[in-house]
Amino acid sequence: MTNGWLLDEHDRETLLRDHPPRYATVVAHHVTLDVRASDPPHEVKAAVLGSTDDEKGVEALVVSIDGSVDRPDGSTYHITWSLGDGRAAKESNDVLKERGWKEWDHPVPITLTPARLR
């Protein structure tokens, strides 16, 4: 089980319209908190602050949770946005670590719902 937050469907549609995915497999589903936590996450204030793209098939949006982009495990809060052939969502963590991310001109507030994800 993974704990995190589901992206609100309306916010997802708006982000997909305003920031079209670059790769064929659109994920755009959730933000991970912890893959080992036993308690579900709490409600949060969230916003998309920027994005990263390795230009080889992994695109992610960087998200602030209650004002921070830093996950407790040392990685960065994000939404895997889209993937190319043969790529996996978990690779977003590596791309963020290796390439960093580009801040957008303005944050985009989003609604996230606490959830236990599989």
Protein backbone atom coordinates (compact mmCIF):
# COMPACT_ATOMS: atom_id res chain seq x y z
CA MET A 1 0.00 0.00 0.00
CA THR A 2 1.07 3.55 -0.76
CA ASN A 3 -0.27 6.57 1.06
CA GLY A 4 -0.82 9.80 -0.77
CA TRP A 5 -3.39 12.08 -2.30
CA LEU A 6 -5.60 11.70 -5.36
CA LEU A 7 -5.73 14.62 -7.77
CA ASP A 8 -9.20 16.16 -8.05
CA GLU A 9 -10.74 15.23 -11.42
CA HIS A 10 -11.66 18.83 -12.31
CA ASP A 11 -8.12 20.02 -11.49
CA ARG A 12 -6.73 17.11 -13.52
CA GLU A 13 -8.77 18.09 -16.57
CA THR A 14 -7.72 21.73 -16.23
CA LEU A 15 -4.03 20.83 -15.88
CA LEU A 16 -4.23 18.44 -18.84
CA ARG A 17 -5.75 21.22 -20.94
CA ASP A 18 -3.28 23.88 -19.83
CA HIS A 19 -0.19 21.63 -19.73
CA PRO A 20 -0.68 18.92 -22.38
CA PRO A 21 1.26 15.73 -21.63
CA ARG A 22 4.30 15.23 -23.80
CA TYR A 23 4.26 11.40 -23.84
CA ALA A 24 1.61 8.88 -24.89
CA THR A 25 0.84 7.31 -21.51
CA VAL A 26 -0.93 9.89 -19.36
CA VAL A 27 -0.72 9.18 -15.63
CA ALA A 28 -1.77 12.45 -13.91
CA HIS A 29 -3.33 10.62 -10.98
CA HIS A 30 -1.84 11.18 -7.52
CA VAL A 31 0.91 12.48 -5.25
CA THR A 32 2.75 9.88 -3.16
CA LEU A 33 3.46 10.53 0.50
CA ASP A 34 5.02 7.26 1.61
CA VAL A 35 5.10 3.72 0.32
CA ARG A 36 5.40 2.27 3.81
CA ALA A 37 3.19 4.45 6.01
CA SER A 38 0.43 2.71 7.91
CA ASP A 39 -1.79 5.72 8.56
CA PRO A 40 -3.53 7.54 5.72
CA PRO A 41 -2.39 11.12 5.07
CA HIS A 42 -4.23 14.22 6.27
CA GLU A 43 -5.92 16.93 4.22
CA VAL A 44 -3.44 19.39 2.77
CA LYS A 45 -3.10 22.66 0.92
CA ALA A 46 -1.43 21.91 -2.43
CA ALA A 47 -0.21 23.63 -5.57
CA VAL A 48 1.73 22.70 -8.68
CA LEU A 49 4.93 24.77 -8.71
CA GLY A 50 6.77 23.48 -11.76
CA SER A 51 7.78 20.51 -13.87
CA THR A 52 10.56 18.25 -15.05
CA ASP A 53 11.09 16.22 -18.22
CA ASP A 54 14.05 14.01 -19.02
CA GLU A 55 13.22 14.32 -22.74
CA LYS A 56 13.39 10.53 -22.92
CA GLY A 57 9.92 9.61 -21.72
CA VAL A 58 9.35 10.79 -18.14
CA GLU A 59 7.44 13.97 -17.35
CA ALA A 60 6.35 15.06 -13.86
CA LEU A 61 4.75 18.06 -12.17
CA VAL A 62 6.27 19.25 -8.89
CA VAL A 63 3.76 19.80 -6.09
CA SER A 64 3.97 21.70 -2.82
CA ILE A 65 2.21 20.10 0.12
CA ASP A 66 1.47 22.55 2.92
CA GLY A 67 4.21 24.81 1.53
CA SER A 68 6.96 22.24 1.00
CA VAL A 69 8.09 20.16 -1.98
CA ASP A 70 10.22 17.90 0.24
CA ARG A 71 8.83 14.44 0.97
CA PRO A 72 9.76 12.85 4.32
CA ASP A 73 11.88 10.25 2.46
CA GLY A 74 14.08 12.98 0.94
CA SER A 75 12.50 12.96 -2.51
CA THR A 76 10.24 15.60 -4.08
CA TYR A 77 6.44 15.66 -4.04
CA HIS A 78 5.23 15.27 -7.60
CA ILE A 79 2.58 13.96 -9.97
CA THR A 80 3.94 11.69 -12.69
CA TRP A 81 2.37 13.44 -15.66
CA SER A 82 3.17 11.30 -18.67
CA LEU A 83 5.39 8.40 -19.74
CA GLY A 84 6.91 7.16 -22.97
CA ASP A 85 7.13 3.53 -24.05
CA GLY A 86 8.90 1.31 -21.55
CA ARG A 87 9.07 3.94 -18.82
CA ALA A 88 7.60 3.60 -15.30
CA ALA A 89 6.06 6.16 -12.94
CA LYS A 90 8.61 5.44 -10.21
CA GLU A 91 11.30 6.83 -12.54
CA SER A 92 9.96 10.34 -11.86
CA ASN A 93 11.88 10.26 -8.55
CA ASP A 94 15.16 9.60 -10.37
CA VAL A 95 14.52 12.31 -12.96
CA LEU A 96 13.79 14.87 -10.25
CA LYS A 97 16.93 13.90 -8.35
CA GLU A 98 19.16 13.98 -11.44
CA ARG A 99 17.72 16.93 -13.38
CA GLY A 100 15.85 19.01 -10.82
CA TRP A 101 12.82 20.96 -12.00
CA LYS A 102 11.82 24.23 -13.61
CA GLU A 103 9.60 26.58 -11.62
CA TRP A 104 6.52 27.89 -13.40
CA ASP A 105 5.67 31.60 -13.53
CA HIS A 106 2.93 31.11 -10.94
CA PRO A 107 1.72 28.28 -8.69
CA VAL A 108 -1.44 26.42 -9.70
CA PRO A 109 -3.56 25.54 -6.65
CA ILE A 110 -4.95 22.00 -6.76
CA THR A 111 -7.26 19.93 -4.62
CA LEU A 112 -5.93 16.62 -3.33
CA THR A 113 -7.89 13.97 -1.45
CA PRO A 114 -6.13 11.75 1.11
CA ALA A 115 -6.05 8.13 -0.07
CA ARG A 116 -4.46 4.73 0.30
CA LEU A 117 -3.23 3.75 -3.14
CA ARG A 118 -2.22 0.43 -4.63
